Amino acid sequence: MAETLRAGLSLGLLGGHALLALRIQRKMRARGLAAADARLYAAFCVLGKLPQGLGQALYWSKRLTGRRGGLIEYKGAQAP
């Protein structure tokens, strides 16, 4: 039963992402982008949802457990 539920959820998420990609592609075509460029743009927009979701999940898990996130510093880069 749990495997069926998990498979259904996975298929639902995959289908949702496919619909999102089609929607983005249509909007970009309406703005005048070439078909290949619109497809590529839509694919990368949808692909970017994974790290965005993981970052949000990490933020909320730390917030709910009372832990603090670490500071990110970029010491190697020098300002021009």
N, C-alpha and C. Protein backbone atom coordinates (compact mmCIF):
# COMPACT_ATOMS: atom_id res chain seq x y z
N MET A 1 0.82 -1.20 0.00
CA MET A 1 0.00 0.00 0.00
C MET A 1 0.87 1.26 0.00
N ALA A 2 1.91 1.26 0.82
CA ALA A 2 2.78 2.43 0.90
C ALA A 2 3.54 2.63 -0.40
N GLU A 3 3.93 1.52 -1.04
CA GLU A 3 4.65 1.64 -2.31
C GLU A 3 3.76 2.23 -3.39
N THR A 4 2.50 1.85 -3.40
CA THR A 4 1.56 2.39 -4.37
C THR A 4 1.36 3.88 -4.15
N LEU A 5 1.24 4.26 -2.88
CA LEU A 5 1.08 5.67 -2.55
C LEU A 5 2.31 6.47 -2.96
N ARG A 6 3.48 5.91 -2.69
CA ARG A 6 4.73 6.58 -3.05
C ARG A 6 4.87 6.70 -4.56
N ALA A 7 4.52 5.66 -5.28
CA ALA A 7 4.59 5.69 -6.74
C ALA A 7 3.60 6.72 -7.30
N GLY A 8 2.42 6.77 -6.73
CA GLY A 8 1.42 7.74 -7.18
C GLY A 8 1.86 9.16 -6.91
N LEU A 9 2.47 9.39 -5.75
CA LEU A 9 2.97 10.72 -5.42
C LEU A 9 4.09 11.12 -6.38
N SER A 10 4.99 10.19 -6.67
CA SER A 10 6.09 10.47 -7.59
C SER A 10 5.57 10.80 -8.98
N LEU A 11 4.60 10.03 -9.46
CA LEU A 11 4.02 10.30 -10.77
C LEU A 11 3.29 11.63 -10.79
N GLY A 12 2.63 11.95 -9.70
CA GLY A 12 1.93 13.23 -9.60
C GLY A 12 2.91 14.41 -9.65
N LEU A 13 4.01 14.29 -8.93
CA LEU A 13 5.02 15.35 -8.94
C LEU A 13 5.66 15.48 -10.31
N LEU A 14 5.95 14.35 -10.94
CA LEU A 14 6.54 14.38 -12.27
C LEU A 14 5.58 15.02 -13.27
N GLY A 15 4.31 14.65 -13.19
CA GLY A 15 3.31 15.24 -14.07
C GLY A 15 3.14 16.73 -13.82
N GLY A 16 3.19 17.13 -12.56
CA GLY A 16 3.08 18.55 -12.22
C GLY A 16 4.24 19.35 -12.78
N HIS A 17 5.43 18.78 -12.70
CA HIS A 17 6.60 19.47 -13.24
C HIS A 17 6.54 19.54 -14.77
N ALA A 18 6.02 18.49 -15.40
CA ALA A 18 5.87 18.52 -16.85
C ALA A 18 4.87 19.59 -17.27
N LEU A 19 3.77 19.70 -16.54
CA LEU A 19 2.78 20.73 -16.85
C LEU A 19 3.36 22.13 -16.63
N LEU A 20 4.15 22.29 -15.58
CA LEU A 20 4.79 23.57 -15.33
C LEU A 20 5.74 23.94 -16.47
N ALA A 21 6.51 22.96 -16.93
CA ALA A 21 7.43 23.21 -18.04
C ALA A 21 6.67 23.62 -19.29
N LEU A 22 5.57 22.96 -19.58
CA LEU A 22 4.76 23.32 -20.75
C LEU A 22 4.19 24.73 -20.62
N ARG A 23 3.76 25.07 -19.42
CA ARG A 23 3.20 26.41 -19.19
C ARG A 23 4.27 27.48 -19.39
N ILE A 24 5.46 27.25 -18.84
CA ILE A 24 6.54 28.22 -19.01
C ILE A 24 6.92 28.33 -20.48
N GLN A 25 7.00 27.19 -21.15
CA GLN A 25 7.37 27.19 -22.57
C GLN A 25 6.37 28.00 -23.39
N ARG A 26 5.09 27.80 -23.12
CA ARG A 26 4.05 28.54 -23.85
C ARG A 26 4.17 30.05 -23.62
N LYS A 27 4.42 30.43 -22.37
CA LYS A 27 4.55 31.87 -22.05
C LYS A 27 5.76 32.47 -22.75
N MET A 28 6.86 31.73 -22.79
CA MET A 28 8.06 32.25 -23.44
C MET A 28 7.89 32.33 -24.96
N ARG A 29 7.16 31.37 -25.53
CA ARG A 29 6.85 31.44 -26.97
C ARG A 29 5.98 32.66 -27.26
N ALA A 30 5.04 32.96 -26.36
CA ALA A 30 4.17 34.12 -26.54
C ALA A 30 4.97 35.42 -26.45
N ARG A 31 6.07 35.40 -25.73
CA ARG A 31 6.93 36.59 -25.62
C ARG A 31 7.91 36.71 -26.77
N GLY A 32 7.90 35.75 -27.68
CA GLY A 32 8.71 35.86 -28.88
C GLY A 32 9.97 35.01 -28.90
N LEU A 33 10.19 34.15 -27.92
CA LEU A 33 11.37 33.29 -27.93
C LEU A 33 11.19 32.18 -28.96
N ALA A 34 12.29 31.74 -29.53
CA ALA A 34 12.24 30.61 -30.47
C ALA A 34 11.84 29.35 -29.69
N ALA A 35 11.30 28.38 -30.39
CA ALA A 35 10.79 27.16 -29.74
C ALA A 35 11.88 26.43 -28.96
N ALA A 36 13.05 26.29 -29.55
CA ALA A 36 14.14 25.58 -28.87
C ALA A 36 14.60 26.34 -27.63
N ASP A 37 14.68 27.66 -27.73
CA ASP A 37 15.09 28.47 -26.59
C ASP A 37 14.04 28.42 -25.48
N ALA A 38 12.77 28.44 -25.85
CA ALA A 38 11.69 28.39 -24.87
C ALA A 38 11.71 27.05 -24.13
N ARG A 39 11.97 25.95 -24.87
CA ARG A 39 12.05 24.63 -24.25
C ARG A 39 13.21 24.56 -23.26
N LEU A 40 14.35 25.08 -23.67
CA LEU A 40 15.53 25.07 -22.83
C LEU A 40 15.31 25.91 -21.57
N TYR A 41 14.74 27.08 -21.73
CA TYR A 41 14.45 27.96 -20.60
C TYR A 41 13.50 27.26 -19.62
N ALA A 42 12.45 26.65 -20.15
CA ALA A 42 11.47 25.97 -19.30
C ALA A 42 12.11 24.79 -18.56
N ALA A 43 12.97 24.05 -19.26
CA ALA A 43 13.62 22.90 -18.62
C ALA A 43 14.49 23.34 -17.46
N PHE A 44 15.25 24.42 -17.63
CA PHE A 44 16.12 24.86 -16.55
C PHE A 44 15.34 25.52 -15.42
N CYS A 45 14.23 26.17 -15.73
CA CYS A 45 13.37 26.71 -14.66
C CYS A 45 12.84 25.59 -13.78
N VAL A 46 12.37 24.51 -14.42
CA VAL A 46 11.83 23.38 -13.66
C VAL A 46 12.94 22.64 -12.92
N LEU A 47 14.10 22.51 -13.56
CA LEU A 47 15.23 21.85 -12.92
C LEU A 47 15.68 22.61 -11.67
N GLY A 48 15.56 23.92 -11.69
CA GLY A 48 15.93 24.74 -10.54
C GLY A 48 15.02 24.58 -9.35
N LYS A 49 13.86 23.98 -9.54
CA LYS A 49 12.93 23.77 -8.42
C LYS A 49 13.48 22.80 -7.38
N LEU A 50 14.32 21.86 -7.80
CA LEU A 50 14.88 20.89 -6.85
C LEU A 50 15.76 21.56 -5.80
N PRO A 51 16.79 22.32 -6.17
CA PRO A 51 17.59 22.96 -5.13
C PRO A 51 16.82 24.01 -4.34
N GLN A 52 15.84 24.66 -4.97
CA GLN A 52 15.02 25.62 -4.24
C GLN A 52 14.23 24.91 -3.15
N GLY A 53 13.63 23.79 -3.49
CA GLY A 53 12.85 23.02 -2.51
C GLY A 53 13.72 22.46 -1.40
N LEU A 54 14.91 21.97 -1.77
CA LEU A 54 15.82 21.45 -0.75
C LEU A 54 16.27 22.55 0.20
N GLY A 55 16.53 23.73 -0.32
CA GLY A 55 16.92 24.86 0.54
C GLY A 55 15.80 25.26 1.47
N GLN A 56 14.59 25.28 0.99
CA GLN A 56 13.46 25.62 1.84
C GLN A 56 13.24 24.55 2.91
N ALA A 57 13.37 23.29 2.54
CA ALA A 57 13.22 22.21 3.50
C ALA A 57 14.29 22.30 4.59
N LEU A 58 15.52 22.60 4.21
CA LEU A 58 16.61 22.75 5.19
C LEU A 58 16.32 23.93 6.12
N TYR A 59 15.89 25.05 5.55
CA TYR A 59 15.57 26.22 6.37
C TYR A 59 14.49 25.89 7.40
N TRP A 60 13.41 25.29 6.93
CA TRP A 60 12.30 25.03 7.84
C TRP A 60 12.64 23.94 8.86
N SER A 61 13.44 22.95 8.47
CA SER A 61 13.83 21.93 9.45
C SER A 61 14.69 22.53 10.55
N LYS A 62 15.59 23.43 10.17
CA LYS A 62 16.41 24.09 11.19
C LYS A 62 15.58 25.03 12.05
N ARG A 63 14.67 25.73 11.42
CA ARG A 63 13.85 26.67 12.18
C ARG A 63 12.95 25.94 13.18
N LEU A 64 12.36 24.83 12.75
CA LEU A 64 11.46 24.10 13.64
C LEU A 64 12.19 23.37 14.75
N THR A 65 13.43 22.99 14.53
CA THR A 65 14.20 22.30 15.57
C THR A 65 15.00 23.26 16.44
N GLY A 66 14.98 24.55 16.11
CA GLY A 66 15.66 25.54 16.92
C GLY A 66 17.15 25.67 16.65
N ARG A 67 17.65 25.03 15.60
CA ARG A 67 19.07 25.15 15.26
C ARG A 67 19.29 26.38 14.40
N ARG A 68 20.50 26.87 14.39
CA ARG A 68 20.84 28.04 13.58
C ARG A 68 21.63 27.62 12.35
N GLY A 69 21.41 28.33 11.28
CA GLY A 69 22.18 28.08 10.07
C GLY A 69 23.55 28.74 10.18
N GLY A 70 24.50 28.19 9.48
CA GLY A 70 25.84 28.75 9.52
C GLY A 70 25.99 29.92 8.57
N LEU A 71 26.97 30.76 8.84
CA LEU A 71 27.27 31.91 8.00
C LEU A 71 28.08 31.46 6.79
N ILE A 72 27.71 31.95 5.63
CA ILE A 72 28.44 31.62 4.41
C ILE A 72 29.29 32.83 4.05
N GLU A 73 30.59 32.66 4.02
CA GLU A 73 31.50 33.75 3.66
C GLU A 73 32.33 33.33 2.46
N TYR A 74 32.51 34.25 1.56
CA TYR A 74 33.34 34.01 0.39
C TYR A 74 34.60 34.84 0.53
N LYS A 75 35.63 34.24 1.12
CA LYS A 75 36.86 34.98 1.42
C LYS A 75 37.81 35.07 0.25
N GLY A 76 37.68 34.18 -0.72
CA GLY A 76 38.61 34.16 -1.83
C GLY A 76 38.38 35.26 -2.84
N ALA A 77 37.17 35.78 -2.94
CA ALA A 77 36.85 36.77 -3.95
C ALA A 77 37.25 38.16 -3.47
N GLN A 78 37.93 38.90 -4.34
CA GLN A 78 38.32 40.27 -4.04
C GLN A 78 37.45 41.22 -4.85
N ALA A 79 37.05 42.32 -4.24
CA ALA A 79 36.24 43.32 -4.96
C ALA A 79 37.14 44.04 -5.95
N PRO A 80 36.62 44.32 -7.16
CA PRO A 80 37.43 45.03 -8.16
C PRO A 80 37.65 46.49 -7.80
